[in-house]
């Protein structure tokens, strides 16, 4: 299974913001859109980083409420973790687990075409495992019935 299949199923909409926005803006936008990460782009649309709920909490823990008025670029992860549409879900899950991040920006020919979370990948893996289990069960039952 590839990242392309995940994007096809979940859609390619990505919430973005410009680097001059504040951490407060990022948290508000996450809340409004019910997401936990935002891709930070320059005004030409090129990805320069990613801000996540986890990074926002770290900023607040380290700097206090004053962090809310600082630019999002002070707290974002840059460069953002990226992958390609043809990367395998297993490979990206391994990277996410090993490097301890939960969101990956999907890029094709230098352009953002989606974003996937560890939850998206786990959901797809569980769906595949369930399908495989049902197929194997049906095959076993049909063999038993044939005997």
N, C-alpha and C. Protein backbone atom coordinates (compact mmCIF):
# COMPACT_ATOMS: atom_id res chain seq x y z
N UNK A 1 0.84 -1.17 0.00
CA UNK A 1 0.00 0.00 0.00
C UNK A 1 0.90 1.25 0.00
N UNK A 2 0.50 2.26 -0.75
CA UNK A 2 1.30 3.48 -0.86
C UNK A 2 0.58 4.68 -0.26
N UNK A 3 1.33 5.73 -0.08
CA UNK A 3 0.79 6.99 0.43
C UNK A 3 -0.27 7.53 -0.53
N UNK A 4 -0.10 7.27 -1.81
CA UNK A 4 -1.08 7.71 -2.82
C UNK A 4 -2.48 7.20 -2.46
N UNK A 5 -2.57 5.95 -2.04
CA UNK A 5 -3.86 5.36 -1.68
C UNK A 5 -4.47 6.05 -0.46
N UNK A 6 -3.63 6.45 0.48
CA UNK A 6 -4.11 7.16 1.67
C UNK A 6 -4.66 8.52 1.26
N UNK A 7 -3.91 9.23 0.44
CA UNK A 7 -4.35 10.57 -0.01
C UNK A 7 -5.63 10.45 -0.84
N UNK A 8 -5.71 9.45 -1.67
CA UNK A 8 -6.91 9.25 -2.47
C UNK A 8 -8.13 9.05 -1.57
N UNK A 9 -7.96 8.32 -0.49
CA UNK A 9 -9.07 8.02 0.42
C UNK A 9 -9.43 9.21 1.31
N UNK A 10 -8.43 9.93 1.82
CA UNK A 10 -8.72 10.99 2.79
C UNK A 10 -8.84 12.38 2.16
N UNK A 11 -8.30 12.54 0.97
CA UNK A 11 -8.33 13.84 0.33
C UNK A 11 -7.00 14.55 0.45
N UNK A 12 -6.85 15.59 -0.34
CA UNK A 12 -5.55 16.27 -0.41
C UNK A 12 -5.55 17.66 0.21
N UNK A 13 -6.62 18.01 0.91
CA UNK A 13 -6.70 19.34 1.50
C UNK A 13 -5.65 19.50 2.61
N UNK A 14 -4.89 20.58 2.57
CA UNK A 14 -3.86 20.88 3.56
C UNK A 14 -4.07 22.30 4.07
N UNK A 15 -4.10 22.46 5.38
CA UNK A 15 -4.20 23.78 6.00
C UNK A 15 -2.80 24.37 6.03
N UNK A 16 -2.67 25.59 5.53
CA UNK A 16 -1.36 26.26 5.50
C UNK A 16 -1.46 27.64 6.15
N UNK A 17 -0.31 28.18 6.47
CA UNK A 17 -0.24 29.56 6.94
C UNK A 17 1.11 30.15 6.57
N UNK A 18 1.18 31.46 6.58
CA UNK A 18 2.42 32.15 6.25
C UNK A 18 3.28 32.33 7.49
N UNK A 19 4.57 32.53 7.29
CA UNK A 19 5.51 32.57 8.42
C UNK A 19 5.31 33.76 9.37
N UNK A 20 4.65 34.81 8.95
CA UNK A 20 4.47 35.95 9.85
C UNK A 20 3.33 35.76 10.85
N UNK A 21 2.56 34.68 10.69
CA UNK A 21 1.49 34.41 11.65
C UNK A 21 2.08 34.00 13.00
N UNK A 22 1.29 34.20 14.05
CA UNK A 22 1.76 33.89 15.40
C UNK A 22 1.34 32.48 15.82
N UNK A 23 1.93 32.05 16.91
CA UNK A 23 1.55 30.77 17.48
C UNK A 23 0.06 30.78 17.85
N UNK A 24 -0.42 31.90 18.33
CA UNK A 24 -1.85 32.04 18.64
C UNK A 24 -2.69 31.81 17.39
N UNK A 25 -2.26 32.38 16.25
CA UNK A 25 -2.97 32.16 14.98
C UNK A 25 -2.99 30.67 14.62
N UNK A 26 -1.87 30.00 14.83
CA UNK A 26 -1.76 28.58 14.48
C UNK A 26 -2.71 27.74 15.33
N UNK A 27 -2.73 28.01 16.62
CA UNK A 27 -3.60 27.24 17.52
C UNK A 27 -5.07 27.49 17.16
N UNK A 28 -5.41 28.72 16.88
CA UNK A 28 -6.78 29.06 16.50
C UNK A 28 -7.17 28.34 15.20
N UNK A 29 -6.27 28.35 14.22
CA UNK A 29 -6.56 27.70 12.94
C UNK A 29 -6.68 26.18 13.10
N UNK A 30 -5.86 25.59 13.96
CA UNK A 30 -6.00 24.15 14.24
C UNK A 30 -7.39 23.87 14.81
N UNK A 31 -7.80 24.68 15.76
CA UNK A 31 -9.11 24.50 16.39
C UNK A 31 -10.24 24.67 15.37
N UNK A 32 -10.17 25.71 14.57
CA UNK A 32 -11.23 25.99 13.58
C UNK A 32 -11.37 24.87 12.55
N UNK A 33 -10.25 24.24 12.21
CA UNK A 33 -10.26 23.22 11.17
C UNK A 33 -10.19 21.79 11.70
N UNK A 34 -10.18 21.66 13.03
CA UNK A 34 -10.11 20.35 13.67
C UNK A 34 -8.93 19.52 13.15
N UNK A 35 -7.76 20.15 13.11
CA UNK A 35 -6.52 19.49 12.69
C UNK A 35 -5.48 19.68 13.79
N UNK A 36 -4.40 18.92 13.71
CA UNK A 36 -3.35 19.06 14.71
C UNK A 36 -2.01 19.48 14.12
N UNK A 37 -2.02 19.84 12.83
CA UNK A 37 -0.79 20.35 12.21
C UNK A 37 -1.13 21.30 11.07
N UNK A 38 -0.23 22.24 10.86
CA UNK A 38 -0.39 23.22 9.80
C UNK A 38 0.95 23.36 9.07
N UNK A 39 0.90 23.32 7.76
CA UNK A 39 2.10 23.50 6.96
C UNK A 39 2.35 24.99 6.82
N UNK A 40 3.58 25.40 7.12
CA UNK A 40 3.97 26.80 7.00
C UNK A 40 4.64 26.97 5.63
N UNK A 41 4.11 27.91 4.84
CA UNK A 41 4.64 28.14 3.49
C UNK A 41 5.07 29.60 3.33
N UNK A 42 5.98 29.82 2.39
CA UNK A 42 6.29 31.21 2.05
C UNK A 42 5.18 31.73 1.14
N UNK A 43 5.28 32.98 0.75
CA UNK A 43 4.20 33.58 -0.04
C UNK A 43 4.11 33.01 -1.46
N UNK A 44 5.13 32.28 -1.89
CA UNK A 44 5.09 31.62 -3.19
C UNK A 44 4.50 30.21 -3.08
N UNK A 45 4.18 29.79 -1.85
CA UNK A 45 3.57 28.49 -1.66
C UNK A 45 4.54 27.35 -1.39
N UNK A 46 5.82 27.67 -1.21
CA UNK A 46 6.82 26.64 -0.93
C UNK A 46 6.82 26.31 0.57
N UNK A 47 6.87 25.04 0.88
CA UNK A 47 6.88 24.60 2.27
C UNK A 47 8.18 25.00 2.95
N UNK A 48 8.04 25.63 4.12
CA UNK A 48 9.24 25.97 4.89
C UNK A 48 9.25 25.29 6.26
N UNK A 49 8.13 24.69 6.64
CA UNK A 49 8.09 23.99 7.92
C UNK A 49 6.70 23.50 8.25
N UNK A 50 6.56 22.97 9.47
CA UNK A 50 5.27 22.49 9.95
C UNK A 50 5.16 22.83 11.43
N UNK A 51 4.00 23.29 11.83
CA UNK A 51 3.72 23.54 13.24
C UNK A 51 2.64 22.55 13.67
N UNK A 52 2.87 21.90 14.80
CA UNK A 52 1.93 20.89 15.29
C UNK A 52 1.46 21.24 16.69
N UNK A 53 0.42 20.57 17.13
CA UNK A 53 -0.08 20.79 18.48
C UNK A 53 1.00 20.49 19.51
N UNK A 54 1.78 19.46 19.26
CA UNK A 54 2.87 19.10 20.19
C UNK A 54 3.91 20.20 20.27
N UNK A 55 4.28 20.79 19.14
CA UNK A 55 5.26 21.88 19.15
C UNK A 55 4.70 23.11 19.86
N UNK A 56 3.41 23.37 19.69
CA UNK A 56 2.78 24.51 20.37
C UNK A 56 2.81 24.31 21.88
N UNK A 57 2.52 23.10 22.34
CA UNK A 57 2.55 22.82 23.78
C UNK A 57 3.96 22.98 24.33
N UNK A 58 4.96 22.51 23.59
CA UNK A 58 6.35 22.69 24.02
C UNK A 58 6.69 24.17 24.15
N UNK A 59 6.26 24.97 23.17
CA UNK A 59 6.53 26.41 23.20
C UNK A 59 5.91 27.04 24.44
N UNK A 60 4.68 26.69 24.75
CA UNK A 60 3.99 27.23 25.92
C UNK A 60 4.67 26.77 27.22
N UNK A 61 5.08 25.52 27.26
CA UNK A 61 5.74 25.00 28.46
C UNK A 61 7.08 25.70 28.71
N UNK A 62 7.79 26.01 27.64
CA UNK A 62 9.13 26.59 27.78
C UNK A 62 9.13 28.11 27.90
N UNK A 63 8.17 28.77 27.23
CA UNK A 63 8.19 30.23 27.18
C UNK A 63 7.00 30.89 27.86
N UNK A 64 6.02 30.09 28.25
CA UNK A 64 4.83 30.66 28.88
C UNK A 64 3.89 31.27 27.85
N UNK A 65 2.90 31.96 28.37
CA UNK A 65 1.84 32.53 27.54
C UNK A 65 2.38 33.54 26.52
N UNK A 66 3.51 34.13 26.79
CA UNK A 66 4.12 35.08 25.85
C UNK A 66 4.44 34.47 24.50
N UNK A 67 4.62 33.14 24.46
CA UNK A 67 4.92 32.46 23.20
C UNK A 67 3.80 32.66 22.18
N UNK A 68 2.60 32.88 22.68
CA UNK A 68 1.44 33.03 21.79
C UNK A 68 1.61 34.19 20.80
N UNK A 69 2.38 35.20 21.16
CA UNK A 69 2.55 36.38 20.32
C UNK A 69 3.77 36.30 19.41
N UNK A 70 4.54 35.22 19.52
CA UNK A 70 5.72 35.06 18.67
C UNK A 70 5.34 34.43 17.35
N UNK A 71 6.17 34.69 16.34
CA UNK A 71 5.92 34.11 15.02
C UNK A 71 6.00 32.59 15.07
N UNK A 72 5.18 31.97 14.26
CA UNK A 72 5.11 30.52 14.19
C UNK A 72 6.46 29.92 13.76
N UNK A 73 7.25 30.68 13.03
CA UNK A 73 8.55 30.19 12.57
C UNK A 73 9.51 29.91 13.72
N UNK A 74 9.28 30.52 14.88
CA UNK A 74 10.15 30.27 16.04
C UNK A 74 9.97 28.87 16.60
N UNK A 75 8.83 28.24 16.33
CA UNK A 75 8.50 26.97 16.96
C UNK A 75 8.26 25.83 15.98
N UNK A 76 8.18 26.13 14.70
CA UNK A 76 7.88 25.10 13.71
C UNK A 76 9.07 24.16 13.53
N UNK A 77 8.78 22.99 12.99
CA UNK A 77 9.83 22.06 12.59
C UNK A 77 10.20 22.39 11.15
N UNK A 78 11.48 22.65 10.94
CA UNK A 78 11.94 23.00 9.60
C UNK A 78 13.27 22.32 9.34
N UNK A 79 13.39 21.62 8.23
CA UNK A 79 12.35 21.40 7.23
C UNK A 79 11.29 20.43 7.76
N UNK A 80 10.13 20.51 7.16
CA UNK A 80 9.04 19.60 7.52
C UNK A 80 9.37 18.21 7.01
N UNK A 81 9.00 17.17 7.76
CA UNK A 81 9.16 15.81 7.22
C UNK A 81 8.29 15.64 5.98
N UNK A 82 8.86 15.06 4.94
CA UNK A 82 8.11 14.89 3.69
C UNK A 82 8.21 13.45 3.20
N UNK A 83 7.29 13.13 2.32
CA UNK A 83 7.33 11.85 1.63
C UNK A 83 6.73 12.04 0.25
N UNK A 84 6.81 11.01 -0.56
CA UNK A 84 6.27 11.04 -1.92
C UNK A 84 5.04 10.17 -2.00
N UNK A 85 4.23 10.38 -3.00
CA UNK A 85 3.01 9.61 -3.20
C UNK A 85 3.29 8.12 -3.34
N UNK A 86 4.41 7.76 -3.93
CA UNK A 86 4.71 6.35 -4.18
C UNK A 86 5.47 5.67 -3.05
N UNK A 87 5.72 6.38 -1.95
CA UNK A 87 6.36 5.76 -0.79
C UNK A 87 5.40 4.76 -0.16
N UNK A 88 5.95 3.72 0.41
CA UNK A 88 5.10 2.71 1.05
C UNK A 88 4.65 3.19 2.43
N UNK A 89 3.46 2.78 2.80
CA UNK A 89 2.92 3.14 4.11
C UNK A 89 3.82 2.57 5.21
N UNK A 90 4.29 1.35 5.03
CA UNK A 90 5.16 0.72 6.03
C UNK A 90 6.44 1.53 6.22
N UNK A 91 7.05 1.96 5.13
CA UNK A 91 8.29 2.75 5.20
C UNK A 91 8.05 4.06 5.96
N UNK A 92 6.96 4.75 5.65
CA UNK A 92 6.68 6.03 6.30
C UNK A 92 6.32 5.83 7.77
N UNK A 93 5.58 4.75 8.08
CA UNK A 93 5.29 4.45 9.48
C UNK A 93 6.58 4.21 10.26
N UNK A 94 7.52 3.51 9.66
CA UNK A 94 8.80 3.26 10.31
C UNK A 94 9.52 4.58 10.58
N UNK A 95 9.59 5.45 9.57
CA UNK A 95 10.25 6.75 9.75
C UNK A 95 9.59 7.56 10.86
N UNK A 96 8.25 7.59 10.85
CA UNK A 96 7.52 8.37 11.85
C UNK A 96 7.80 7.84 13.26
N UNK A 97 7.81 6.53 13.40
CA UNK A 97 8.06 5.92 14.70
C UNK A 97 9.50 6.13 15.13
N UNK A 98 10.42 5.89 14.23
CA UNK A 98 11.85 6.01 14.54
C UNK A 98 12.24 7.45 14.87
N UNK A 99 11.77 8.38 14.07
CA UNK A 99 12.16 9.79 14.25
C UNK A 99 11.20 10.58 15.14
N UNK A 100 10.14 9.91 15.62
CA UNK A 100 9.20 10.47 16.59
C UNK A 100 8.48 11.73 16.10
N UNK A 101 7.85 11.62 14.93
CA UNK A 101 6.95 12.68 14.48
C UNK A 101 5.66 12.05 14.02
N UNK A 102 4.57 12.83 14.01
CA UNK A 102 3.24 12.27 13.75
C UNK A 102 2.61 12.74 12.45
N UNK A 103 3.26 13.68 11.74
CA UNK A 103 2.69 14.22 10.50
C UNK A 103 3.77 14.31 9.44
N UNK A 104 3.40 13.96 8.21
CA UNK A 104 4.32 14.03 7.08
C UNK A 104 3.63 14.76 5.94
N UNK A 105 4.33 15.73 5.38
CA UNK A 105 3.83 16.48 4.23
C UNK A 105 4.12 15.65 2.98
N UNK A 106 3.10 15.45 2.16
CA UNK A 106 3.25 14.65 0.94
C UNK A 106 3.54 15.62 -0.21
N UNK A 107 4.64 15.38 -0.90
CA UNK A 107 5.12 16.29 -1.94
C UNK A 107 5.27 15.55 -3.26
N UNK A 108 4.87 16.21 -4.34
CA UNK A 108 5.09 15.68 -5.68
C UNK A 108 5.59 16.82 -6.56
N UNK A 109 6.73 16.63 -7.20
CA UNK A 109 7.34 17.65 -8.06
C UNK A 109 7.48 18.99 -7.34
N UNK A 110 7.85 18.93 -6.06
CA UNK A 110 8.07 20.14 -5.28
C UNK A 110 6.82 20.80 -4.73
N UNK A 111 5.65 20.29 -5.05
CA UNK A 111 4.39 20.89 -4.59
C UNK A 111 3.74 20.00 -3.53
N UNK A 112 3.12 20.64 -2.54
CA UNK A 112 2.40 19.90 -1.50
C UNK A 112 1.12 19.33 -2.11
N UNK A 113 0.92 18.02 -1.96
CA UNK A 113 -0.28 17.37 -2.50
C UNK A 113 -1.11 16.71 -1.40
N UNK A 114 -0.67 16.85 -0.15
CA UNK A 114 -1.43 16.29 0.95
C UNK A 114 -0.60 16.24 2.21
N UNK A 115 -1.22 15.71 3.26
CA UNK A 115 -0.53 15.49 4.53
C UNK A 115 -1.12 14.23 5.13
N UNK A 116 -0.27 13.42 5.75
CA UNK A 116 -0.75 12.21 6.40
C UNK A 116 -0.26 12.20 7.85
N UNK A 117 -1.10 11.64 8.70
CA UNK A 117 -0.74 11.49 10.11
C UNK A 117 -0.51 10.01 10.39
N UNK A 118 0.11 9.74 11.52
CA UNK A 118 0.30 8.36 11.93
C UNK A 118 -1.06 7.67 12.07
N UNK A 119 -2.07 8.43 12.50
CA UNK A 119 -3.42 7.87 12.61
C UNK A 119 -3.98 7.44 11.27
N UNK A 120 -3.73 8.23 10.23
CA UNK A 120 -4.18 7.86 8.89
C UNK A 120 -3.55 6.55 8.45
N UNK A 121 -2.27 6.39 8.74
CA UNK A 121 -1.55 5.19 8.32
C UNK A 121 -1.99 3.96 9.11
N UNK A 122 -2.19 4.14 10.42
CA UNK A 122 -2.65 3.02 11.24
C UNK A 122 -4.04 2.58 10.79
N UNK A 123 -4.92 3.55 10.52
CA UNK A 123 -6.27 3.22 10.07
C UNK A 123 -6.23 2.41 8.77
N UNK A 124 -5.38 2.80 7.84
CA UNK A 124 -5.26 2.08 6.57
C UNK A 124 -4.71 0.67 6.80
N UNK A 125 -3.71 0.54 7.66
CA UNK A 125 -3.14 -0.78 7.96
C UNK A 125 -4.18 -1.68 8.62
N UNK A 126 -4.97 -1.14 9.54
CA UNK A 126 -6.01 -1.93 10.18
C UNK A 126 -7.08 -2.38 9.19
N UNK A 127 -7.43 -1.48 8.27
CA UNK A 127 -8.41 -1.82 7.24
C UNK A 127 -7.88 -2.96 6.36
N UNK A 128 -6.60 -2.88 5.99
CA UNK A 128 -5.99 -3.94 5.18
C UNK A 128 -5.93 -5.26 5.95
N UNK A 129 -5.58 -5.20 7.22
CA UNK A 129 -5.49 -6.41 8.03
C UNK A 129 -6.87 -7.06 8.17
N UNK A 130 -7.90 -6.23 8.35
CA UNK A 130 -9.26 -6.75 8.46
C UNK A 130 -9.68 -7.43 7.16
N UNK A 131 -9.40 -6.80 6.03
CA UNK A 131 -9.73 -7.37 4.74
C UNK A 131 -9.01 -8.69 4.53
N UNK A 132 -7.72 -8.71 4.83
CA UNK A 132 -6.93 -9.93 4.68
C UNK A 132 -7.50 -11.04 5.57
N UNK A 133 -7.86 -10.71 6.78
CA UNK A 133 -8.43 -11.69 7.71
C UNK A 133 -9.73 -12.27 7.17
N UNK A 134 -10.60 -11.40 6.64
CA UNK A 134 -11.87 -11.89 6.08
C UNK A 134 -11.65 -12.79 4.89
N UNK A 135 -10.72 -12.43 4.03
CA UNK A 135 -10.43 -13.25 2.84
C UNK A 135 -9.89 -14.62 3.26
N UNK A 136 -8.97 -14.63 4.20
CA UNK A 136 -8.42 -15.91 4.66
C UNK A 136 -9.48 -16.76 5.33
N UNK A 137 -10.35 -16.14 6.11
CA UNK A 137 -11.42 -16.88 6.77
C UNK A 137 -12.37 -17.49 5.74
N UNK A 138 -12.73 -16.70 4.71
CA UNK A 138 -13.62 -17.20 3.65
C UNK A 138 -12.98 -18.35 2.89
N UNK A 139 -11.68 -18.24 2.60
CA UNK A 139 -10.98 -19.32 1.89
C UNK A 139 -10.95 -20.59 2.72
N UNK A 140 -10.68 -20.44 4.02
CA UNK A 140 -10.63 -21.60 4.90
C UNK A 140 -12.00 -22.26 4.99
N UNK A 141 -13.04 -21.45 5.12
CA UNK A 141 -14.40 -22.00 5.21
C UNK A 141 -14.80 -22.69 3.91
N UNK A 142 -14.43 -22.12 2.78
CA UNK A 142 -14.80 -22.75 1.50
C UNK A 142 -14.06 -24.06 1.31
N UNK A 143 -12.83 -24.17 1.80
CA UNK A 143 -12.07 -25.43 1.72
C UNK A 143 -12.71 -26.48 2.63
N UNK A 144 -13.12 -26.06 3.81
CA UNK A 144 -13.77 -27.00 4.73
C UNK A 144 -15.09 -27.49 4.15
N UNK A 145 -15.83 -26.60 3.51
CA UNK A 145 -17.12 -26.97 2.93
C UNK A 145 -16.92 -27.92 1.75
N UNK A 146 -15.82 -27.79 1.03
CA UNK A 146 -15.55 -28.63 -0.14
C UNK A 146 -15.14 -30.04 0.27
N UNK A 147 -14.67 -30.22 1.49
CA UNK A 147 -14.21 -31.55 1.93
C UNK A 147 -15.32 -32.44 2.25
